Amino acid sequence: MSLPKELDYVSSNTTTLPVNTSSKSNVIHPSNVSSLSTETGGSVIFDLGQQDYLIPSSMYLRMKVKTTGSSNTNNSHMFQRGIPGYSVFEKLITSFQSVQVENITNYGRTASTLIDLKLNQAQKSGLAVAFGLTNKADADDITLTQDLHGRKSDSENADEYFVSIPLLCVLSLAEKLVPLGMMPQCRIELEIANINKIFDNDAPATAADKLELFNMELCYDTVNFGQDFDMTTLMGLADGNGDILIKSQGHQVSTQTADAITGLQTLSFPQRLSSVKSILAWFEGKNASAINQEYDSVDITKGAGSYQFQCGNKFFPDVELNTARNRAGVFMELNNAVNGTSHDILGGSMSISPMEFSKKDNSSTTHDEPGMFILGVNTERMSGVNQVLLTGQSTALTPISLNVRCDVAPTQATTCNLLTIFDAIIQVNLPTRSASLKI
């Protein structure tokens, strides 16, 4: 006779940790610089310790941010685009023993977009302190419709604040503990962005001259299972070659120019991956009234056209996303792309308002109401399967394409950003203590 789980007092309590198990909070300081500045550019490098097991979800970066404006021209508050903790960075690189295994370009925009697609307005507001979204003067006035898409400076010519942001990379997104003690040196490198990309510097009255990063620390937790869990025990979990496989998630970004033409155009993106889980795309705001520029995402069909992706030999979705027939359907496909399976359409959370999603390529945008018309499709062969290494669609060694049909010509040419979310497998060979990333 089987008992209901509420009466099962045995099976859930039989697994115990080794007696000598202990955890540790690690704080890693940069190995190359003590600060970064937009005036000089450059990158900060963090070398992770080579002991114990990394708890992936515990990894975050904390630092102090200082902004300086021109005292000769500033008479208004400076505005930093996106999520401030992320938008200061242009690129994230992960390396195993000096071999680059991950390179996420346009990192600040990409990470800000993913946060907007994973958290609703209330959740973003609740993390405003960590993200650096609000200044001291406006902290009491933050609402679900204001101060969630950037940061106004504390004063006209200066701003100083702290941030703590979860790092999005293959190490932090791993589904199992990562055996740092059995791997080569793991390194994370972050490159600072250009000042004009971080700030709305179009008007001299709101221009920022310099941004600096201080007190940068990479924090994460590790666990040690003691002498009872040695190399011999771990080898028992490896295959015949001594390899263990850890499933994670990777991100790649590519760009193409979308022309201002009527009819069908196909944008091709040279990404070749074994298992694409989701594809996202957005078109930057280029008209003079789109003040957030590359942090604006607009509909270039003006509500009179369609979008459809092609990955490998398959179209996604099977029926094109028609902006004239049903824009809400475009939104629901985006929800499916970033919040798991289409069988759980109510489980998604996004911080995109109806007005933000309605922005076209000739629309005006504001700091509090940016354009957030983003395309997305779920490309998994079967969603919700956690015990399978590769669930996504293979590109079959061909570029990913986006077919765009405009019944009315776009106002101007613009840049299309394509972001793929894919299965990434960390392969660790225990006898040689080597590691690689399979994508």
Protein backbone atom coordinates (compact mmCIF):
# COMPACT_ATOMS: atom_id res chain seq x y z
CA MET A 1 0.00 0.00 0.00
CA SER A 2 1.34 3.45 -0.93
CA LEU A 3 0.91 6.26 1.56
CA PRO A 4 0.25 9.92 0.76
CA LYS A 5 3.37 12.06 0.94
CA GLU A 6 2.01 13.82 4.01
CA LEU A 7 2.44 10.52 5.90
CA ASP A 8 5.78 9.54 4.36
CA TYR A 9 8.09 10.11 7.32
CA VAL A 10 10.95 7.99 5.96
CA SER A 11 12.00 8.48 2.33
CA SER A 12 12.50 12.25 2.52
CA ASN A 13 14.68 11.99 5.64
CA THR A 14 17.03 9.12 4.81
CA THR A 15 19.71 11.16 3.01
CA THR A 16 22.25 12.80 5.29
CA LEU A 17 25.30 14.96 4.67
CA PRO A 18 28.80 13.65 5.41
CA VAL A 19 29.72 14.35 9.04
CA ASN A 20 32.47 16.85 8.24
CA THR A 21 30.47 18.93 5.73
CA SER A 22 31.03 22.69 6.05
CA SER A 23 30.36 25.79 3.98
CA LYS A 24 32.36 28.96 3.43
CA SER A 25 31.59 32.45 2.16
CA ASN A 26 34.29 33.58 -0.27
CA VAL A 27 35.15 37.19 -1.15
CA ILE A 28 37.51 37.48 -4.13
CA HIS A 29 39.31 40.74 -4.88
CA PRO A 30 40.49 41.69 -8.39
CA SER A 31 43.80 40.25 -9.46
CA ASN A 32 44.69 43.09 -11.83
CA VAL A 33 43.21 46.47 -10.75
CA SER A 34 41.75 48.20 -7.72
CA SER A 35 39.36 50.40 -9.72
CA LEU A 36 38.00 51.02 -13.22
CA SER A 37 37.16 54.26 -15.02
CA THR A 38 35.39 55.07 -18.27
CA GLU A 39 38.19 57.55 -19.00
CA THR A 40 40.81 54.80 -19.28
CA GLY A 41 38.61 51.78 -20.04
CA GLY A 42 39.83 48.27 -19.28
CA SER A 43 38.63 45.18 -17.47
CA VAL A 44 38.54 43.74 -13.97
CA ILE A 45 39.65 40.12 -13.49
CA PHE A 46 38.57 37.74 -10.74
CA ASP A 47 40.39 34.42 -10.25
CA LEU A 48 38.24 31.94 -8.35
CA GLY A 49 39.77 29.73 -5.69
CA GLN A 50 40.67 26.15 -6.59
CA GLN A 51 39.13 24.34 -3.67
CA ASP A 52 35.77 22.94 -2.57
CA TYR A 53 32.50 23.02 -4.55
CA LEU A 54 30.91 26.22 -5.86
CA ILE A 55 27.25 26.80 -5.00
CA PRO A 56 26.33 28.43 -8.36
CA SER A 57 23.33 30.52 -7.32
CA SER A 58 25.31 32.23 -4.55
CA MET A 59 27.60 34.17 -6.92
CA TYR A 60 27.24 37.95 -7.03
CA LEU A 61 29.35 41.06 -7.64
CA ARG A 62 29.36 44.04 -5.28
CA MET A 63 31.03 47.41 -5.80
CA LYS A 64 30.87 51.18 -5.34
CA VAL A 65 29.93 53.38 -8.31
CA LYS A 66 30.90 57.04 -8.61
CA THR A 67 29.75 59.36 -11.40
CA THR A 68 31.06 62.83 -12.16
CA GLY A 69 29.36 65.40 -14.41
CA SER A 70 30.69 68.60 -15.88
CA SER A 71 30.29 71.51 -13.46
CA ASN A 72 30.36 73.90 -16.40
CA THR A 73 27.29 72.55 -18.17
CA ASN A 74 25.23 70.42 -15.81
CA ASN A 75 22.05 71.97 -14.47
CA SER A 76 19.96 68.79 -14.36
CA HIS A 77 20.29 65.27 -13.01
CA MET A 78 22.30 62.71 -15.00
CA PHE A 79 20.42 59.59 -16.10
CA GLN A 80 22.00 56.13 -16.21
CA ARG A 81 20.26 53.67 -18.53
CA GLY A 82 19.14 50.11 -17.82
CA ILE A 83 19.85 48.44 -14.50
CA PRO A 84 22.83 50.44 -13.17
CA GLY A 85 24.67 47.48 -11.67
CA TYR A 86 24.78 45.82 -15.09
CA SER A 87 24.81 48.70 -17.59
CA VAL A 88 28.32 49.76 -16.51
CA PHE A 89 29.72 46.63 -18.19
CA GLU A 90 30.17 45.98 -21.90
CA LYS A 91 31.41 42.40 -21.84
CA LEU A 92 31.70 39.33 -19.59
CA ILE A 93 34.30 36.63 -20.31
CA THR A 94 34.67 33.30 -18.51
CA SER A 95 37.90 31.32 -18.89
CA PHE A 96 39.19 27.92 -17.79
CA GLN A 97 42.99 28.04 -17.43
CA SER A 98 43.31 31.04 -19.78
CA VAL A 99 41.08 29.36 -22.41
CA GLN A 100 38.05 31.53 -23.10
CA VAL A 101 34.84 29.46 -22.89
CA GLU A 102 32.23 32.25 -22.70
CA ASN A 103 32.04 35.75 -24.14
CA ILE A 104 28.80 37.71 -23.63
CA THR A 105 28.97 40.99 -25.55
CA ASN A 106 26.67 43.95 -24.86
CA TYR A 107 26.50 42.50 -21.36
CA GLY A 108 24.83 45.45 -19.62
CA ARG A 109 21.96 45.61 -22.11
CA THR A 110 21.62 41.81 -22.21
CA ALA A 111 21.54 41.38 -18.43
CA SER A 112 19.12 44.32 -18.01
CA THR A 113 16.80 42.75 -20.59
CA LEU A 114 16.86 39.35 -18.91
CA ILE A 115 16.07 40.91 -15.53
CA ASP A 116 13.13 42.80 -17.10
CA LEU A 117 11.87 39.52 -18.55
CA LYS A 118 12.26 37.46 -15.37
CA LEU A 119 11.08 39.89 -12.65
CA ASN A 120 7.84 41.82 -12.44
CA GLN A 121 7.63 45.47 -11.37
CA ALA A 122 7.14 44.65 -7.69
CA GLN A 123 10.14 42.31 -7.68
CA LYS A 124 12.36 44.91 -9.37
CA SER A 125 11.23 47.50 -6.86
CA GLY A 126 12.07 45.13 -4.03
CA LEU A 127 15.62 44.77 -5.39
CA ALA A 128 16.08 48.46 -6.23
CA VAL A 129 18.77 48.88 -3.53
CA ALA A 130 20.87 45.98 -4.85
CA PHE A 131 20.44 46.99 -8.49
CA GLY A 132 21.16 50.69 -7.81
CA LEU A 133 17.88 51.78 -9.39
CA THR A 134 17.03 54.71 -7.16
CA ASN A 135 18.93 57.57 -5.58
CA LYS A 136 18.62 58.81 -2.01
CA ALA A 137 16.29 61.67 -2.92
CA ASP A 138 13.82 59.49 -4.85
CA ALA A 139 14.04 56.33 -2.73
CA ASP A 140 10.78 57.05 -0.91
CA ASP A 141 8.94 57.83 -4.15
CA ILE A 142 9.75 54.73 -6.18
CA THR A 143 6.61 53.23 -7.73
CA LEU A 144 5.73 50.33 -10.01
CA THR A 145 5.71 52.72 -12.99
CA GLN A 146 8.63 55.04 -12.17
CA ASP A 147 12.35 54.73 -11.46
CA LEU A 148 12.53 51.07 -12.57
CA HIS A 149 14.40 51.46 -15.86
CA GLY A 150 17.44 53.47 -14.84
CA ARG A 151 18.84 55.85 -12.26
CA LYS A 152 18.83 59.62 -11.83
CA SER A 153 21.90 61.01 -10.09
CA ASP A 154 21.74 62.22 -6.49
CA SER A 155 22.78 65.70 -7.56
CA GLU A 156 23.33 67.60 -10.81
CA ASN A 157 27.07 66.92 -11.05
CA ALA A 158 27.77 63.89 -8.89
CA ASP A 159 26.40 60.52 -7.88
CA GLU A 160 27.75 57.82 -5.58
CA TYR A 161 26.07 54.53 -4.75
CA PHE A 162 26.60 50.81 -4.10
CA VAL A 163 25.34 47.79 -6.03
CA SER A 164 25.26 44.02 -5.54
CA ILE A 165 24.22 42.10 -8.66
CA PRO A 166 23.89 38.38 -9.39
CA LEU A 167 26.35 37.53 -12.15
CA LEU A 168 24.82 35.82 -15.18
CA CYS A 169 27.41 33.36 -16.53
CA VAL A 170 27.88 29.62 -17.12
CA LEU A 171 29.33 29.10 -13.63
CA SER A 172 26.50 30.84 -11.76
CA LEU A 173 23.80 29.17 -13.89
CA ALA A 174 25.09 25.60 -13.44
CA GLU A 175 22.44 23.14 -12.22
CA LYS A 176 24.85 21.19 -9.98
CA LEU A 177 27.68 22.07 -7.61
CA VAL A 178 30.81 23.00 -9.57
CA PRO A 179 33.96 21.15 -8.32
CA LEU A 180 36.43 24.05 -8.32
CA GLY A 181 38.98 21.87 -6.53
CA MET A 182 38.99 19.41 -9.44
CA MET A 183 39.17 22.02 -12.21
CA PRO A 184 41.75 24.35 -13.73
CA GLN A 185 41.82 28.01 -12.68
CA CYS A 186 38.42 29.60 -13.36
CA ARG A 187 38.49 33.30 -14.25
CA ILE A 188 35.75 35.90 -14.75
CA GLU A 189 36.56 39.15 -16.56
CA LEU A 190 34.27 42.18 -16.86
CA GLU A 191 34.96 45.06 -19.26
CA ILE A 192 33.69 48.55 -18.46
CA ALA A 193 31.37 50.17 -21.02
CA ASN A 194 31.72 53.48 -22.86
CA ILE A 195 30.36 56.49 -20.96
CA ASN A 196 27.96 57.43 -23.79
CA LYS A 197 26.48 53.95 -23.76
CA ILE A 198 25.84 54.03 -20.02
CA PHE A 199 24.31 57.53 -19.81
CA ASP A 200 21.86 59.69 -21.69
CA ASN A 201 24.55 62.16 -22.80
CA ASP A 202 22.70 63.74 -25.74
CA ALA A 203 21.98 66.96 -23.83
CA PRO A 204 24.88 68.87 -22.19
CA ALA A 205 22.64 69.63 -19.21
CA THR A 206 22.44 65.94 -18.31
CA ALA A 207 25.84 64.73 -19.52
CA ALA A 208 28.15 62.58 -17.41
CA ASP A 209 31.89 62.98 -17.88
CA LYS A 210 33.23 60.00 -15.96
CA LEU A 211 32.09 56.85 -14.16
CA GLU A 212 34.35 54.94 -11.77
CA LEU A 213 34.06 51.56 -10.05
CA PHE A 214 35.65 50.93 -6.64
CA ASN A 215 35.65 48.22 -3.97
CA MET A 216 34.88 45.50 -6.51
CA GLU A 217 34.42 42.08 -4.92
CA LEU A 218 33.18 38.78 -6.32
CA CYS A 219 31.30 36.83 -3.68
CA TYR A 220 30.18 33.20 -3.67
CA ASP A 221 29.68 30.28 -1.30
CA THR A 222 31.47 26.94 -1.42
CA VAL A 223 30.88 23.67 0.39
CA ASN A 224 33.44 21.10 1.57
CA PHE A 225 32.34 17.53 2.33
CA GLY A 226 35.43 16.62 4.36
CA GLN A 227 37.73 13.64 4.03
CA ASP A 228 34.79 11.23 3.83
CA PHE A 229 34.15 12.49 0.29
CA ASP A 230 37.48 12.15 -1.50
CA MET A 231 38.67 11.86 -5.10
CA THR A 232 37.86 8.15 -5.17
CA THR A 233 34.25 8.82 -4.28
CA LEU A 234 33.95 11.52 -6.96
CA MET A 235 35.52 9.24 -9.59
CA GLY A 236 32.68 6.84 -8.94
CA LEU A 237 30.34 9.49 -10.39
CA ALA A 238 32.38 9.93 -13.60
CA ASP A 239 32.13 8.04 -16.88
CA GLY A 240 34.71 5.66 -18.30
CA ASN A 241 36.94 8.55 -19.41
CA GLY A 242 36.87 10.18 -15.99
CA ASP A 243 34.50 12.95 -17.15
CA ILE A 244 31.62 14.49 -15.25
CA LEU A 245 29.06 16.66 -17.06
CA ILE A 246 27.34 19.66 -15.49
CA LYS A 247 24.43 21.25 -17.32
CA SER A 248 24.33 25.04 -17.38
CA GLN A 249 22.93 27.83 -19.53
CA GLY A 250 24.75 30.12 -21.93
CA HIS A 251 23.96 33.35 -23.78
CA GLN A 252 25.19 34.71 -27.11
CA VAL A 253 24.43 38.08 -28.70
CA SER A 254 24.68 39.02 -32.38
CA THR A 255 23.60 42.14 -34.28
CA GLN A 256 22.44 42.95 -37.79
CA THR A 257 21.10 46.05 -39.55
CA ALA A 258 17.41 46.10 -40.45
CA ASP A 259 16.79 48.31 -43.49
CA ALA A 260 13.95 50.82 -43.82
CA ILE A 261 12.19 48.98 -46.64
CA THR A 262 8.69 47.70 -47.37
CA GLY A 263 8.22 43.97 -47.82
CA LEU A 264 10.17 40.98 -46.53
CA GLN A 265 13.76 41.06 -45.33
CA THR A 266 15.75 38.25 -43.73
CA LEU A 267 18.33 39.02 -41.05
CA SER A 268 21.00 36.35 -40.62
CA PHE A 269 22.93 35.82 -37.38
CA PRO A 270 26.03 33.56 -37.41
CA GLN A 271 25.38 31.56 -34.26
CA ARG A 272 25.95 27.80 -34.41
CA LEU A 273 24.80 25.93 -31.33
CA SER A 274 23.81 22.36 -30.43
CA SER A 275 20.79 23.11 -28.24
CA VAL A 276 19.01 26.48 -28.46
CA LYS A 277 16.32 26.81 -25.78
CA SER A 278 15.02 30.29 -26.59
CA ILE A 279 15.62 33.08 -29.09
CA LEU A 280 15.01 36.75 -28.27
CA ALA A 281 15.32 39.80 -30.51
CA TRP A 282 14.83 43.54 -30.19
CA PHE A 283 15.22 46.54 -32.50
CA GLU A 284 16.90 49.64 -31.08
CA GLY A 285 15.17 53.00 -31.07
CA LYS A 286 16.92 55.26 -33.58
CA ASN A 287 14.54 58.21 -34.01
CA ALA A 288 15.31 61.45 -32.21
CA SER A 289 12.42 61.00 -29.76
CA ALA A 290 13.62 57.57 -28.59
CA ILE A 291 15.86 59.00 -25.90
CA ASN A 292 17.02 55.68 -24.47
CA GLN A 293 18.54 54.70 -27.83
CA GLU A 294 19.88 51.12 -27.61
CA TYR A 295 17.96 50.65 -24.35
CA ASP A 296 14.75 51.22 -26.30
CA SER A 297 13.16 48.23 -28.07
CA VAL A 298 10.64 49.11 -30.78
CA ASP A 299 8.32 47.50 -33.31
CA ILE A 300 9.67 48.31 -36.79
CA THR A 301 6.54 46.91 -38.48
CA LYS A 302 4.49 49.72 -36.87
CA GLY A 303 1.81 47.16 -36.02
CA ALA A 304 1.45 46.17 -39.68
CA GLY A 305 3.67 43.19 -40.40
CA SER A 306 5.11 39.99 -38.98
CA TYR A 307 8.15 38.29 -37.48
CA GLN A 308 9.33 34.67 -37.66
CA PHE A 309 12.60 32.97 -36.63
CA GLN A 310 14.31 30.06 -38.34
CA CYS A 311 16.67 27.82 -36.37
CA GLY A 312 18.13 24.78 -38.12
CA ASN A 313 15.47 23.50 -40.49
CA LYS A 314 12.47 24.68 -38.46
CA PHE A 315 10.47 27.90 -38.21
CA PHE A 316 9.57 29.40 -34.81
CA PRO A 317 6.75 29.82 -34.21
CA ASP A 318 5.15 27.64 -36.87
CA VAL A 319 2.74 30.49 -37.62
CA GLU A 320 4.40 33.90 -37.97
CA LEU A 321 3.96 36.52 -35.24
CA ASN A 322 1.55 38.98 -36.87
CA THR A 323 1.56 42.39 -35.21
CA ALA A 324 -1.60 43.50 -37.05
CA ARG A 325 -3.63 40.42 -36.19
CA ASN A 326 -2.71 40.10 -32.49
CA ARG A 327 0.11 41.91 -30.65
CA ALA A 328 -0.86 40.15 -27.42
CA GLY A 329 0.12 36.88 -29.09
CA VAL A 330 3.63 38.30 -29.60
CA PHE A 331 3.75 39.09 -25.88
CA MET A 332 2.63 35.57 -24.90
CA GLU A 333 5.28 33.94 -27.10
CA LEU A 334 7.87 36.13 -25.36
CA ASN A 335 6.53 34.96 -22.00
CA ASN A 336 6.88 31.33 -23.11
CA ALA A 337 10.45 31.98 -24.29
CA VAL A 338 11.79 33.33 -21.01
CA ASN A 339 9.60 31.73 -18.38
CA GLY A 340 9.78 28.09 -19.32
CA THR A 341 7.14 25.93 -20.86
CA SER A 342 4.03 27.01 -22.72
CA HIS A 343 2.15 24.59 -20.47
CA ASP A 344 2.67 27.07 -17.62
CA ILE A 345 1.72 30.38 -19.18
CA LEU A 346 0.57 31.80 -15.86
CA GLY A 347 3.94 31.22 -14.21
CA GLY A 348 5.71 34.08 -15.98
CA SER A 349 6.73 37.43 -14.53
CA MET A 350 7.86 40.37 -16.64
CA SER A 351 8.19 44.08 -15.94
CA ILE A 352 6.79 45.34 -19.25
CA SER A 353 3.78 47.66 -19.23
CA PRO A 354 1.24 47.86 -22.08
CA MET A 355 2.53 51.30 -23.09
CA GLU A 356 6.14 50.09 -23.14
CA PHE A 357 5.24 47.09 -25.30
CA SER A 358 3.28 49.29 -27.73
CA LYS A 359 6.26 51.44 -28.78
CA LYS A 360 6.88 51.62 -32.53
CA ASP A 361 9.98 52.82 -34.33
CA ASN A 362 8.54 56.34 -34.65
CA SER A 363 7.28 56.54 -31.03
CA SER A 364 8.55 58.86 -28.33
CA THR A 365 10.03 57.28 -25.22
CA THR A 366 10.93 58.57 -21.76
CA HIS A 367 13.25 57.42 -19.00
CA ASP A 368 10.32 56.02 -17.05
CA GLU A 369 8.59 54.61 -20.13
CA PRO A 370 11.17 53.11 -22.51
CA GLY A 371 10.30 51.07 -25.57
CA MET A 372 10.12 47.40 -24.59
CA PHE A 373 8.74 45.64 -27.65
CA ILE A 374 10.80 42.45 -27.50
CA LEU A 375 10.35 39.31 -29.60
CA GLY A 376 10.85 35.83 -28.18
CA VAL A 377 10.18 32.18 -28.98
CA ASN A 378 10.64 28.93 -27.09
CA THR A 379 12.72 26.55 -29.25
CA GLU A 380 12.93 23.56 -26.92
CA ARG A 381 12.04 20.20 -28.44
CA MET A 382 10.29 19.39 -25.16
CA SER A 383 9.92 21.85 -22.31
CA GLY A 384 10.09 21.06 -18.62
CA VAL A 385 12.42 18.03 -18.93
CA ASN A 386 15.14 18.50 -16.31
CA GLN A 387 16.90 15.13 -16.55
CA VAL A 388 17.98 15.60 -20.19
CA LEU A 389 21.24 17.35 -21.10
CA LEU A 390 20.14 18.84 -24.44
CA THR A 391 16.50 19.86 -24.86
CA GLY A 392 16.80 22.65 -27.43
CA GLN A 393 16.84 22.94 -31.20
CA SER A 394 20.16 22.52 -33.02
CA THR A 395 21.14 25.20 -35.51
CA ALA A 396 22.46 22.36 -37.75
CA LEU A 397 25.62 24.37 -38.47
CA THR A 398 23.60 27.12 -40.15
CA PRO A 399 22.97 30.72 -39.05
CA ILE A 400 19.81 31.68 -37.20
CA SER A 401 17.47 33.84 -39.29
CA LEU A 402 14.75 36.36 -38.50
CA ASN A 403 12.21 37.04 -41.25
CA VAL A 404 10.67 40.52 -40.95
CA ARG A 405 7.73 41.60 -43.11
CA CYS A 406 6.82 45.29 -43.06
CA ASP A 407 3.66 46.37 -44.87
CA VAL A 408 4.68 49.94 -44.03
CA ALA A 409 8.34 50.89 -44.33
CA PRO A 410 10.17 51.50 -41.03
CA THR A 411 10.97 55.14 -40.29
CA GLN A 412 14.71 54.51 -40.46
CA ALA A 413 17.23 51.68 -40.52
CA THR A 414 18.05 50.29 -37.10
CA THR A 415 20.08 47.65 -35.29
CA CYS A 416 18.55 44.28 -34.46
CA ASN A 417 19.98 42.41 -31.47
CA LEU A 418 19.49 38.65 -31.35
CA LEU A 419 20.03 36.82 -28.05
CA THR A 420 20.10 33.04 -27.82
CA ILE A 421 19.68 31.12 -24.58
CA PHE A 422 21.18 27.66 -24.97
CA ASP A 423 22.24 24.52 -23.12
CA ALA A 424 25.91 24.69 -22.12
CA ILE A 425 27.66 21.61 -20.70
CA ILE A 426 30.66 22.00 -18.41
CA GLN A 427 32.83 18.93 -18.97
CA VAL A 428 35.36 18.23 -16.22
CA ASN A 429 37.99 15.50 -16.63
CA LEU A 430 38.92 14.45 -13.11
CA PRO A 431 42.22 12.57 -13.76
CA THR A 432 43.75 15.53 -15.63
CA ARG A 433 41.83 18.29 -13.78
CA SER A 434 40.94 19.87 -17.14
CA ALA A 435 37.64 21.44 -18.15
CA SER A 436 35.86 22.67 -21.26
CA LEU A 437 32.46 24.03 -22.28
CA LYS A 438 30.34 22.18 -24.83
CA ILE A 439 27.79 24.32 -26.69
